[in-house]
């Protein structure tokens, strides 16, 4: 059985992945690869464990997994405090809207997120993608609220895919 590593061993270092589908640098909007879960985090994730336990959904950058409200069409997350990108910049709530707008505009798996208010329009008109009605953000409070067109019992699982990751300010508006 594999032993867990002490948390201090998860800082720094070099990751080498032999996956010919990855772009350079790896861009979650350009390629779907489970290998990206080693370098990108989202609001939710699948437990990093072997066997059936690896299918368990857990909060990742969010403090907790929210319960849907408004008939299953609204999900509100609060970010863990102090999360930073590899360059040291803080991850902000608005980065999640930016990341999903990027994904819906030209990324793989856009159909997973078209149920977000404004999502279908982003797929049809990628140059005018605007999810401000579907993803409400409050950077000061670290809050991200998703509003869906209709209830989607799989939505939290879709957010656990390496497609639904934040994009910092200045991230390219095109696939790199």
Foldseek 3Di string as FASTA:
>chain_A
DDDDDPPVVLDDDDDDDPDVQADVVGDLQAGFDPVCVSQFFFQKAAPPDDDPSSRDIFGDQFPGFADADPQQFKGKTAGDPPDAHPVRHDDFLVQLVVLLLLNLQRGPPLVLPCQFVQSVVCVVPVVPRDRCVAWPGDRVRRMIMGGGPHHDPCNSVSRRGRSRGGDDPPRDSHDD
